[in-house]
């Protein structure tokens, strides 16, 4: 039995533990570099755990496998959480986490497909990643491939017009092999999204564009896995969008719902407190 198949058998409790490991690893990377984006990394951890350790068909020993599922981190600044998944899955040596943002490191400040195994596309400029995912999904259809494309976008990022151009294209080409996650943590770099540029109801907006849309608790592993089970079998010609209601800085009391933790690294005292809270509170 290959590793891809083995990962499918992981339990909900094991996935929850993986999410804790992802959060701890991301915090360690950001603290060590004294640079990075902890808030959005922590809010996306449960989604990333479900994708990398259960749902996606990927092979760390063959990262360019032609039939692999693709992943696009459209909100590329939260790459520490993706790097954590790649390190824990074995795409790169785990000790590489201590090189975040160093010259020559595979872990740059935004995902770089030329430097890091397991990165399917370089991202960082907000609004552009979903278009890349749409292109990959079109290629899969035209090549008669069964792989799927997963893209994680931020709610603040959905203020970008290109997101909606990509959404129109996905519907036009009936990309039911495209699954979009929106990390709906309600905050962006300058504050709450509703105060800066209200997004209205993202679920209704994606639905109006023609997506099959669902809204879930993005920190409930049960809901994430159940929803992925549902969309996996929905070969109905409609792209999928999963709005995940999350908390920016999830798991760390002084980071939760605080915009200032968008792109600030913790000091030593804050780091140790964060590590304790993530390990203890989320297990409870």
C-alpha atoms as a PDB file:
ATOM      1  CA  UNK A   1       0.000   0.000   0.000  1.00  0.00           C
ATOM      2  CA  UNK A   2       1.548   3.341  -1.010  1.00  0.00           C
ATOM      3  CA  UNK A   3       1.789   6.421   1.172  1.00  0.00           C
ATOM      4  CA  UNK A   4      -0.979   8.220  -0.684  1.00  0.00           C
ATOM      5  CA  UNK A   5      -3.443   5.466   0.182  1.00  0.00           C
ATOM      6  CA  UNK A   6      -2.249   5.191   3.766  1.00  0.00           C
ATOM      7  CA  UNK A   7      -2.925   8.848   4.401  1.00  0.00           C
ATOM      8  CA  UNK A   8      -6.584   8.350   3.466  1.00  0.00           C
ATOM      9  CA  UNK A   9      -7.053   6.148   6.527  1.00  0.00           C
ATOM     10  CA  UNK A  10      -6.207   8.831   9.081  1.00  0.00           C
ATOM     11  CA  UNK A  11      -8.842   9.454  11.780  1.00  0.00           C
ATOM     12  CA  UNK A  12     -10.472  12.730  12.753  1.00  0.00           C
ATOM     13  CA  UNK A  13      -8.559  12.770  16.044  1.00  0.00           C
ATOM     14  CA  UNK A  14      -5.288  12.206  14.221  1.00  0.00           C
ATOM     15  CA  UNK A  15      -6.111  15.059  11.860  1.00  0.00           C
ATOM     16  CA  UNK A  16      -6.779  17.337  14.827  1.00  0.00           C
ATOM     17  CA  UNK A  17      -3.371  16.412  16.193  1.00  0.00           C
ATOM     18  CA  UNK A  18      -1.835  17.177  12.800  1.00  0.00           C
ATOM     19  CA  UNK A  19      -3.433  20.627  12.897  1.00  0.00           C
ATOM     20  CA  UNK A  20      -1.785  21.248  16.279  1.00  0.00           C
ATOM     21  CA  UNK A  21       1.563  20.170  14.851  1.00  0.00           C
ATOM     22  CA  UNK A  22       1.067  22.498  11.889  1.00  0.00           C
ATOM     23  CA  UNK A  23       0.327  25.446  14.157  1.00  0.00           C
ATOM     24  CA  UNK A  24       3.320  24.739  16.389  1.00  0.00           C
ATOM     25  CA  UNK A  25       5.634  24.350  13.400  1.00  0.00           C
ATOM     26  CA  UNK A  26       4.415  27.567  11.764  1.00  0.00           C
ATOM     27  CA  UNK A  27       4.849  29.501  15.009  1.00  0.00           C
ATOM     28  CA  UNK A  28       8.362  28.093  15.409  1.00  0.00           C
ATOM     29  CA  UNK A  29       9.257  29.147  11.866  1.00  0.00           C
ATOM     30  CA  UNK A  30       7.950  32.678  12.324  1.00  0.00           C
ATOM     31  CA  UNK A  31       9.524  33.100  15.758  1.00  0.00           C
ATOM     32  CA  UNK A  32      12.896  31.841  14.514  1.00  0.00           C
ATOM     33  CA  UNK A  33      12.851  34.164  11.512  1.00  0.00           C
ATOM     34  CA  UNK A  34      11.339  37.046  13.505  1.00  0.00           C
ATOM     35  CA  UNK A  35       9.286  37.613  10.389  1.00  0.00           C
ATOM     36  CA  UNK A  36       6.138  36.188   8.848  1.00  0.00           C
ATOM     37  CA  UNK A  37       2.364  36.081   9.102  1.00  0.00           C
ATOM     38  CA  UNK A  38       1.030  34.144  12.108  1.00  0.00           C
ATOM     39  CA  UNK A  39      -2.630  35.255  12.119  1.00  0.00           C
ATOM     40  CA  UNK A  40      -3.702  33.854   8.768  1.00  0.00           C
ATOM     41  CA  UNK A  41      -1.438  30.828   9.112  1.00  0.00           C
ATOM     42  CA  UNK A  42      -3.203  29.782  12.307  1.00  0.00           C
ATOM     43  CA  UNK A  43      -6.689  30.340  10.905  1.00  0.00           C
ATOM     44  CA  UNK A  44      -5.944  28.046   7.936  1.00  0.00           C
ATOM     45  CA  UNK A  45      -4.294  25.213   9.878  1.00  0.00           C
ATOM     46  CA  UNK A  46      -7.301  22.887  10.141  1.00  0.00           C
ATOM     47  CA  UNK A  47      -8.047  23.189   6.425  1.00  0.00           C
ATOM     48  CA  UNK A  48      -4.421  22.463   5.571  1.00  0.00           C
ATOM     49  CA  UNK A  49      -4.304  19.439   7.870  1.00  0.00           C
ATOM     50  CA  UNK A  50      -7.352  17.892   6.189  1.00  0.00           C
ATOM     51  CA  UNK A  51      -5.998  18.549   2.705  1.00  0.00           C
ATOM     52  CA  UNK A  52      -2.387  17.459   3.121  1.00  0.00           C
ATOM     53  CA  UNK A  53      -2.908  14.524   5.451  1.00  0.00           C
ATOM     54  CA  UNK A  54      -6.140  13.056   4.128  1.00  0.00           C
ATOM     55  CA  UNK A  55      -7.725  14.510   1.030  1.00  0.00           C
ATOM     56  CA  UNK A  56      -5.109  15.376  -1.559  1.00  0.00           C
ATOM     57  CA  UNK A  57      -3.407  12.744  -3.685  1.00  0.00           C
ATOM     58  CA  UNK A  58       0.210  13.865  -3.440  1.00  0.00           C
ATOM     59  CA  UNK A  59       3.454  11.963  -3.121  1.00  0.00           C
ATOM     60  CA  UNK A  60       6.374  13.570  -1.230  1.00  0.00           C
ATOM     61  CA  UNK A  61       8.758  11.150  -2.966  1.00  0.00           C
ATOM     62  CA  UNK A  62       7.511  12.258  -6.387  1.00  0.00           C
ATOM     63  CA  UNK A  63       6.431  15.904  -5.989  1.00  0.00           C
ATOM     64  CA  UNK A  64       6.040  16.418  -9.742  1.00  0.00           C
ATOM     65  CA  UNK A  65       3.869  13.333 -10.215  1.00  0.00           C
ATOM     66  CA  UNK A  66       1.765  14.107 -13.268  1.00  0.00           C
ATOM     67  CA  UNK A  67      -1.497  12.833 -11.769  1.00  0.00           C
ATOM     68  CA  UNK A  68      -1.147  14.511  -8.366  1.00  0.00           C
ATOM     69  CA  UNK A  69      -3.767  16.872  -7.004  1.00  0.00           C
ATOM     70  CA  UNK A  70      -2.676  20.505  -7.203  1.00  0.00           C
ATOM     71  CA  UNK A  71      -2.768  23.100  -4.430  1.00  0.00           C
ATOM     72  CA  UNK A  72      -2.647  26.867  -4.889  1.00  0.00           C
ATOM     73  CA  UNK A  73      -2.086  29.062  -1.848  1.00  0.00           C
ATOM     74  CA  UNK A  74      -3.596  32.212  -3.295  1.00  0.00           C
ATOM     75  CA  UNK A  75      -3.061  34.062  -0.006  1.00  0.00           C
ATOM     76  CA  UNK A  76       0.636  33.363  -0.358  1.00  0.00           C
ATOM     77  CA  UNK A  77       1.769  35.368   2.674  1.00  0.00           C
ATOM     78  CA  UNK A  78       0.541  32.587   4.994  1.00  0.00           C
ATOM     79  CA  UNK A  79       3.063  30.187   3.459  1.00  0.00           C
ATOM     80  CA  UNK A  80       4.433  29.129   6.890  1.00  0.00           C
ATOM     81  CA  UNK A  81       1.365  26.909   7.299  1.00  0.00           C
ATOM     82  CA  UNK A  82       1.920  25.316   3.882  1.00  0.00           C
ATOM     83  CA  UNK A  83       5.638  24.925   4.549  1.00  0.00           C
ATOM     84  CA  UNK A  84       4.741  23.209   7.815  1.00  0.00           C
ATOM     85  CA  UNK A  85       2.551  20.737   5.943  1.00  0.00           C
ATOM     86  CA  UNK A  86       5.272  20.059   3.376  1.00  0.00           C
ATOM     87  CA  UNK A  87       7.849  19.489   6.121  1.00  0.00           C
ATOM     88  CA  UNK A  88       5.587  17.200   8.140  1.00  0.00           C
ATOM     89  CA  UNK A  89       4.619  15.220   5.020  1.00  0.00           C
ATOM     90  CA  UNK A  90       8.272  14.735   4.100  1.00  0.00           C
ATOM     91  CA  UNK A  91       8.561  16.865   0.958  1.00  0.00           C
ATOM     92  CA  UNK A  92      11.544  18.587   2.573  1.00  0.00           C
ATOM     93  CA  UNK A  93      13.647  17.747   5.667  1.00  0.00           C
ATOM     94  CA  UNK A  94      11.891  18.929   8.812  1.00  0.00           C
ATOM     95  CA  UNK A  95      14.937  20.841  10.049  1.00  0.00           C
ATOM     96  CA  UNK A  96      14.477  23.143   7.058  1.00  0.00           C
ATOM     97  CA  UNK A  97      11.793  24.982   9.064  1.00  0.00           C
ATOM     98  CA  UNK A  98      14.552  26.871  10.868  1.00  0.00           C
ATOM     99  CA  UNK A  99      15.577  28.594   7.622  1.00  0.00           C
ATOM    100  CA  UNK A 100      12.391  30.558   6.912  1.00  0.00           C
ATOM    101  CA  UNK A 101      13.149  33.674   4.836  1.00  0.00           C
ATOM    102  CA  UNK A 102      16.893  33.029   4.810  1.00  0.00           C
ATOM    103  CA  UNK A 103      18.884  33.497   1.616  1.00  0.00           C
ATOM    104  CA  UNK A 104      18.934  30.200  -0.290  1.00  0.00           C
ATOM    105  CA  UNK A 105      16.197  28.604   1.817  1.00  0.00           C
ATOM    106  CA  UNK A 106      13.364  26.714   0.072  1.00  0.00           C
ATOM    107  CA  UNK A 107      11.071  28.593   2.452  1.00  0.00           C
ATOM    108  CA  UNK A 108      10.967  32.127   1.111  1.00  0.00           C
ATOM    109  CA  UNK A 109       8.624  34.875   2.296  1.00  0.00           C
ATOM    110  CA  UNK A 110       6.102  33.734  -0.325  1.00  0.00           C
ATOM    111  CA  UNK A 111       5.817  30.312  -2.003  1.00  0.00           C
ATOM    112  CA  UNK A 112       8.430  29.779  -4.712  1.00  0.00           C
ATOM    113  CA  UNK A 113       7.905  26.740  -6.936  1.00  0.00           C
ATOM    114  CA  UNK A 114      11.491  26.928  -8.164  1.00  0.00           C
ATOM    115  CA  UNK A 115      12.920  26.626  -4.670  1.00  0.00           C
ATOM    116  CA  UNK A 116      10.560  24.365  -2.720  1.00  0.00           C
ATOM    117  CA  UNK A 117       9.364  20.860  -3.568  1.00  0.00           C
ATOM    118  CA  UNK A 118       5.616  20.509  -3.359  1.00  0.00           C
ATOM    119  CA  UNK A 119       4.798  24.098  -4.370  1.00  0.00           C
ATOM    120  CA  UNK A 120       2.705  23.929  -7.540  1.00  0.00           C
ATOM    121  CA  UNK A 121       2.755  27.652  -8.319  1.00  0.00           C
ATOM    122  CA  UNK A 122       4.548  30.723  -6.959  1.00  0.00           C
ATOM    123  CA  UNK A 123       2.079  33.093  -5.312  1.00  0.00           C
ATOM    124  CA  UNK A 124       2.023  36.270  -3.283  1.00  0.00           C
ATOM    125  CA  UNK A 125       0.284  39.006  -5.249  1.00  0.00           C
ATOM    126  CA  UNK A 126      -3.207  38.792  -3.831  1.00  0.00           C
ATOM    127  CA  UNK A 127      -6.044  38.037  -6.219  1.00  0.00           C
ATOM    128  CA  UNK A 128      -3.960  36.137  -8.751  1.00  0.00           C
ATOM    129  CA  UNK A 129      -3.741  32.633  -7.298  1.00  0.00           C
ATOM    130  CA  UNK A 130      -7.284  31.563  -8.095  1.00  0.00           C
ATOM    131  CA  UNK A 131      -6.690  32.338 -11.771  1.00  0.00           C
ATOM    132  CA  UNK A 132      -3.690  29.992 -11.680  1.00  0.00           C
ATOM    133  CA  UNK A 133      -5.890  27.308 -10.124  1.00  0.00           C
ATOM    134  CA  UNK A 134      -8.496  27.785 -12.829  1.00  0.00           C
ATOM    135  CA  UNK A 135      -5.823  27.349 -15.484  1.00  0.00           C
ATOM    136  CA  UNK A 136      -4.625  24.119 -13.866  1.00  0.00           C
ATOM    137  CA  UNK A 137      -8.195  22.810 -13.685  1.00  0.00           C
ATOM    138  CA  UNK A 138      -8.793  23.619 -17.368  1.00  0.00           C
ATOM    139  CA  UNK A 139      -5.585  21.778 -18.252  1.00  0.00           C
ATOM    140  CA  UNK A 140      -6.742  18.762 -16.268  1.00  0.00           C
ATOM    141  CA  UNK A 141     -10.035  18.670 -18.142  1.00  0.00           C
ATOM    142  CA  UNK A 142      -8.407  19.026 -21.547  1.00  0.00           C
ATOM    143  CA  UNK A 143      -5.806  16.362 -20.760  1.00  0.00           C
ATOM    144  CA  UNK A 144      -8.512  13.972 -19.483  1.00  0.00           C
ATOM    145  CA  UNK A 145      -6.862  13.796 -16.069  1.00  0.00           C
ATOM    146  CA  UNK A 146      -8.633  12.933 -12.822  1.00  0.00           C
ATOM    147  CA  UNK A 147      -6.600  15.227 -10.589  1.00  0.00           C
ATOM    148  CA  UNK A 148      -8.303  18.023  -8.703  1.00  0.00           C
ATOM    149  CA  UNK A 149      -7.149  21.551  -7.957  1.00  0.00           C
ATOM    150  CA  UNK A 150      -7.555  23.045  -4.490  1.00  0.00           C
ATOM    151  CA  UNK A 151      -7.119  26.766  -3.914  1.00  0.00           C
ATOM    152  CA  UNK A 152      -7.110  28.634  -0.615  1.00  0.00           C
ATOM    153  CA  UNK A 153      -8.048  32.316  -0.809  1.00  0.00           C
ATOM    154  CA  UNK A 154      -8.497  34.901   1.910  1.00  0.00           C
ATOM    155  CA  UNK A 155     -11.692  36.803   2.548  1.00  0.00           C
ATOM    156  CA  UNK A 156      -9.865  40.134   2.273  1.00  0.00           C
ATOM    157  CA  UNK A 157      -8.396  38.841  -0.960  1.00  0.00           C
ATOM    158  CA  UNK A 158     -11.937  38.503  -2.316  1.00  0.00           C
ATOM    159  CA  UNK A 159     -12.013  42.285  -2.555  1.00  0.00           C
ATOM    160  CA  UNK A 160      -9.799  41.845  -5.649  1.00  0.00           C
ATOM    161  CA  UNK A 161     -11.657  41.937  -8.959  1.00  0.00           C
ATOM    162  CA  UNK A 162      -9.508  39.196 -10.447  1.00  0.00           C
ATOM    163  CA  UNK A 163     -11.003  36.697  -7.993  1.00  0.00           C
ATOM    164  CA  UNK A 164     -14.377  37.201  -9.638  1.00  0.00           C
ATOM    165  CA  UNK A 165     -12.955  37.075 -13.171  1.00  0.00           C
ATOM    166  CA  UNK A 166     -11.474  33.690 -12.233  1.00  0.00           C
ATOM    167  CA  UNK A 167     -14.819  32.613 -10.757  1.00  0.00           C
ATOM    168  CA  UNK A 168     -16.627  33.470 -13.999  1.00  0.00           C
ATOM    169  CA  UNK A 169     -14.092  31.460 -15.985  1.00  0.00           C
ATOM    170  CA  UNK A 170     -14.389  28.459 -13.678  1.00  0.00           C
ATOM    171  CA  UNK A 171     -18.140  28.366 -14.230  1.00  0.00           C
ATOM    172  CA  UNK A 172     -17.869  28.879 -17.994  1.00  0.00           C
ATOM    173  CA  UNK A 173     -15.583  25.857 -18.337  1.00  0.00           C
ATOM    174  CA  UNK A 174     -17.593  23.720 -15.888  1.00  0.00           C
ATOM    175  CA  UNK A 175     -14.600  23.057 -13.642  1.00  0.00           C
ATOM    176  CA  UNK A 176     -16.036  20.574 -11.173  1.00  0.00           C
ATOM    177  CA  UNK A 177     -12.421  19.552 -10.514  1.00  0.00           C
ATOM    178  CA  UNK A 178     -11.796  22.918  -8.798  1.00  0.00           C
ATOM    179  CA  UNK A 179     -12.372  23.327  -5.047  1.00  0.00           C
ATOM    180  CA  UNK A 180     -11.976  26.811  -3.588  1.00  0.00           C
ATOM    181  CA  UNK A 181     -11.600  27.327   0.148  1.00  0.00           C
ATOM    182  CA  UNK A 182     -12.222  30.823   1.518  1.00  0.00           C
ATOM    183  CA  UNK A 183     -10.480  31.400   4.853  1.00  0.00           C
ATOM    184  CA  UNK A 184     -13.190  33.680   6.189  1.00  0.00           C
ATOM    185  CA  UNK A 185     -11.432  35.002   9.290  1.00  0.00           C
ATOM    186  CA  UNK A 186     -13.010  38.475   8.855  1.00  0.00           C
ATOM    187  CA  UNK A 187      -9.717  40.353   9.175  1.00  0.00           C
ATOM    188  CA  UNK A 188      -7.147  41.763   6.788  1.00  0.00           C
ATOM    189  CA  UNK A 189      -3.938  43.708   7.303  1.00  0.00           C
ATOM    190  CA  UNK A 190      -5.625  46.999   8.272  1.00  0.00           C
ATOM    191  CA  UNK A 191      -8.563  45.712  10.317  1.00  0.00           C
ATOM    192  CA  UNK A 192     -11.938  44.050   9.913  1.00  0.00           C
ATOM    193  CA  UNK A 193     -12.988  43.444   6.315  1.00  0.00           C
ATOM    194  CA  UNK A 194     -16.466  44.837   6.916  1.00  0.00           C
ATOM    195  CA  UNK A 195     -14.960  48.174   7.963  1.00  0.00           C
ATOM    196  CA  UNK A 196     -12.479  48.407   5.094  1.00  0.00           C
ATOM    197  CA  UNK A 197     -14.461  47.043   2.150  1.00  0.00           C
ATOM    198  CA  UNK A 198     -17.559  44.992   3.024  1.00  0.00           C
ATOM    199  CA  UNK A 199     -17.709  41.640   1.258  1.00  0.00           C
ATOM    200  CA  UNK A 200     -21.414  41.095   1.840  1.00  0.00           C
ATOM    201  CA  UNK A 201     -22.358  37.400   1.834  1.00  0.00           C
ATOM    202  CA  UNK A 202     -19.544  35.466   0.148  1.00  0.00           C
ATOM    203  CA  UNK A 203     -21.567  32.270   0.128  1.00  0.00           C
ATOM    204  CA  UNK A 204     -24.359  33.917  -1.844  1.00  0.00           C
ATOM    205  CA  UNK A 205     -21.880  35.679  -4.154  1.00  0.00           C
ATOM    206  CA  UNK A 206     -20.069  32.496  -5.174  1.00  0.00           C
ATOM    207  CA  UNK A 207     -23.421  30.751  -5.513  1.00  0.00           C
ATOM    208  CA  UNK A 208     -24.702  33.559  -7.757  1.00  0.00           C
ATOM    209  CA  UNK A 209     -21.632  33.150  -9.967  1.00  0.00           C
ATOM    210  CA  UNK A 210     -22.549  29.483 -10.444  1.00  0.00           C
ATOM    211  CA  UNK A 211     -20.446  27.646  -7.866  1.00  0.00           C
ATOM    212  CA  UNK A 212     -21.761  24.837  -5.707  1.00  0.00           C
ATOM    213  CA  UNK A 213     -21.217  26.567  -2.391  1.00  0.00           C
ATOM    214  CA  UNK A 214     -21.142  25.399   1.213  1.00  0.00           C
ATOM    215  CA  UNK A 215     -20.483  27.220   4.481  1.00  0.00           C
ATOM    216  CA  UNK A 216     -18.824  25.458   7.395  1.00  0.00           C
ATOM    217  CA  UNK A 217     -16.953  25.989  10.642  1.00  0.00           C
ATOM    218  CA  UNK A 218     -13.378  26.081   9.394  1.00  0.00           C
ATOM    219  CA  UNK A 219     -12.077  24.833  12.741  1.00  0.00           C
ATOM    220  CA  UNK A 220     -14.329  21.773  12.906  1.00  0.00           C
ATOM    221  CA  UNK A 221     -12.350  18.877  11.480  1.00  0.00           C
ATOM    222  CA  UNK A 222     -15.547  16.858  11.333  1.00  0.00           C
ATOM    223  CA  UNK A 223     -17.249  19.454   9.129  1.00  0.00           C
ATOM    224  CA  UNK A 224     -14.211  19.912   6.906  1.00  0.00           C
ATOM    225  CA  UNK A 225     -13.853  16.175   6.250  1.00  0.00           C
ATOM    226  CA  UNK A 226     -17.586  15.641   5.780  1.00  0.00           C
ATOM    227  CA  UNK A 227     -17.769  18.494   3.267  1.00  0.00           C
ATOM    228  CA  UNK A 228     -14.768  17.198   1.340  1.00  0.00           C
ATOM    229  CA  UNK A 229     -16.463  13.792   1.168  1.00  0.00           C
ATOM    230  CA  UNK A 230     -19.540  15.451  -0.317  1.00  0.00           C
ATOM    231  CA  UNK A 231     -17.794  17.555  -2.953  1.00  0.00           C
ATOM    232  CA  UNK A 232     -15.504  14.701  -4.004  1.00  0.00           C
ATOM    233  CA  UNK A 233     -18.395  12.809  -5.580  1.00  0.00           C
ATOM    234  CA  UNK A 234     -20.239  15.841  -6.988  1.00  0.00           C
ATOM    235  CA  UNK A 235     -19.263  15.548 -10.657  1.00  0.00           C
ATOM    236  CA  UNK A 236     -21.959  17.955 -11.771  1.00  0.00           C
ATOM    237  CA  UNK A 237     -20.073  20.458 -13.919  1.00  0.00           C
ATOM    238  CA  UNK A 238     -19.997  23.083 -11.174  1.00  0.00           C
ATOM    239  CA  UNK A 239     -16.853  24.335  -9.417  1.00  0.00           C
ATOM    240  CA  UNK A 240     -16.978  24.080  -5.648  1.00  0.00           C
ATOM    241  CA  UNK A 241     -16.550  26.802  -3.018  1.00  0.00           C
ATOM    242  CA  UNK A 242     -16.300  26.111   0.712  1.00  0.00           C
ATOM    243  CA  UNK A 243     -16.647  29.218   2.876  1.00  0.00           C
ATOM    244  CA  UNK A 244     -14.797  28.428   6.098  1.00  0.00           C
ATOM    245  CA  UNK A 245     -15.709  30.641   9.047  1.00  0.00           C
ATOM    246  CA  UNK A 246     -12.453  30.898  10.998  1.00  0.00           C
ATOM    247  CA  UNK A 247     -10.668  32.975  13.635  1.00  0.00           C
ATOM    248  CA  UNK A 248      -7.492  34.826  12.757  1.00  0.00           C
ATOM    249  CA  UNK A 249      -4.757  33.661  15.145  1.00  0.00           C
ATOM    250  CA  UNK A 250      -6.815  30.603  16.157  1.00  0.00           C
ATOM    251  CA  UNK A 251      -5.475  28.842  19.243  1.00  0.00           C
ATOM    252  CA  UNK A 252      -3.467  31.719  20.702  1.00  0.00           C
ATOM    253  CA  UNK A 253      -5.474  33.947  23.045  1.00  0.00           C
ATOM    254  CA  UNK A 254      -3.593  37.184  22.436  1.00  0.00           C
ATOM    255  CA  UNK A 255      -3.590  36.704  18.653  1.00  0.00           C
ATOM    256  CA  UNK A 256      -7.219  35.760  18.095  1.00  0.00           C
ATOM    257  CA  UNK A 257      -9.242  38.394  16.229  1.00  0.00           C
ATOM    258  CA  UNK A 258      -6.396  40.926  16.443  1.00  0.00           C
ATOM    259  CA  UNK A 259      -5.422  42.542  13.138  1.00  0.00           C
ATOM    260  CA  UNK A 260      -2.001  43.547  14.479  1.00  0.00           C
ATOM    261  CA  UNK A 261      -0.967  39.879  14.340  1.00  0.00           C
ATOM    262  CA  UNK A 262      -1.403  39.778  10.578  1.00  0.00           C
ATOM    263  CA  UNK A 263       2.331  40.089   9.936  1.00  0.00           C
ATOM    264  CA  UNK A 264       4.197  40.334  13.266  1.00  0.00           C
ATOM    265  CA  UNK A 265       6.451  37.696  14.835  1.00  0.00           C
ATOM    266  CA  UNK A 266       6.113  36.872  18.561  1.00  0.00           C
ATOM    267  CA  UNK A 267       8.922  37.620  20.997  1.00  0.00           C
ATOM    268  CA  UNK A 268      10.345  34.848  23.189  1.00  0.00           C
ATOM    269  CA  UNK A 269       7.772  35.155  25.963  1.00  0.00           C
ATOM    270  CA  UNK A 270       4.876  35.342  23.505  1.00  0.00           C
ATOM    271  CA  UNK A 271       6.231  32.381  21.537  1.00  0.00           C
ATOM    272  CA  UNK A 272       6.366  30.094  24.576  1.00  0.00           C
ATOM    273  CA  UNK A 273       2.879  31.145  25.660  1.00  0.00           C
ATOM    274  CA  UNK A 274       1.544  30.572  22.147  1.00  0.00           C
ATOM    275  CA  UNK A 275       3.091  27.110  21.952  1.00  0.00           C
ATOM    276  CA  UNK A 276       1.555  26.123  25.296  1.00  0.00           C
ATOM    277  CA  UNK A 277      -1.868  27.448  24.356  1.00  0.00           C
ATOM    278  CA  UNK A 278      -1.921  25.752  20.957  1.00  0.00           C
ATOM    279  CA  UNK A 279      -0.852  22.411  22.431  1.00  0.00           C
ATOM    280  CA  UNK A 280      -3.211  22.536  25.405  1.00  0.00           C
ATOM    281  CA  UNK A 281      -6.248  24.538  24.428  1.00  0.00           C
ATOM    282  CA  UNK A 282      -6.918  22.957  21.074  1.00  0.00           C
ATOM    283  CA  UNK A 283      -6.592  19.453  22.508  1.00  0.00           C
ATOM    284  CA  UNK A 284      -9.239  20.350  25.062  1.00  0.00           C
END
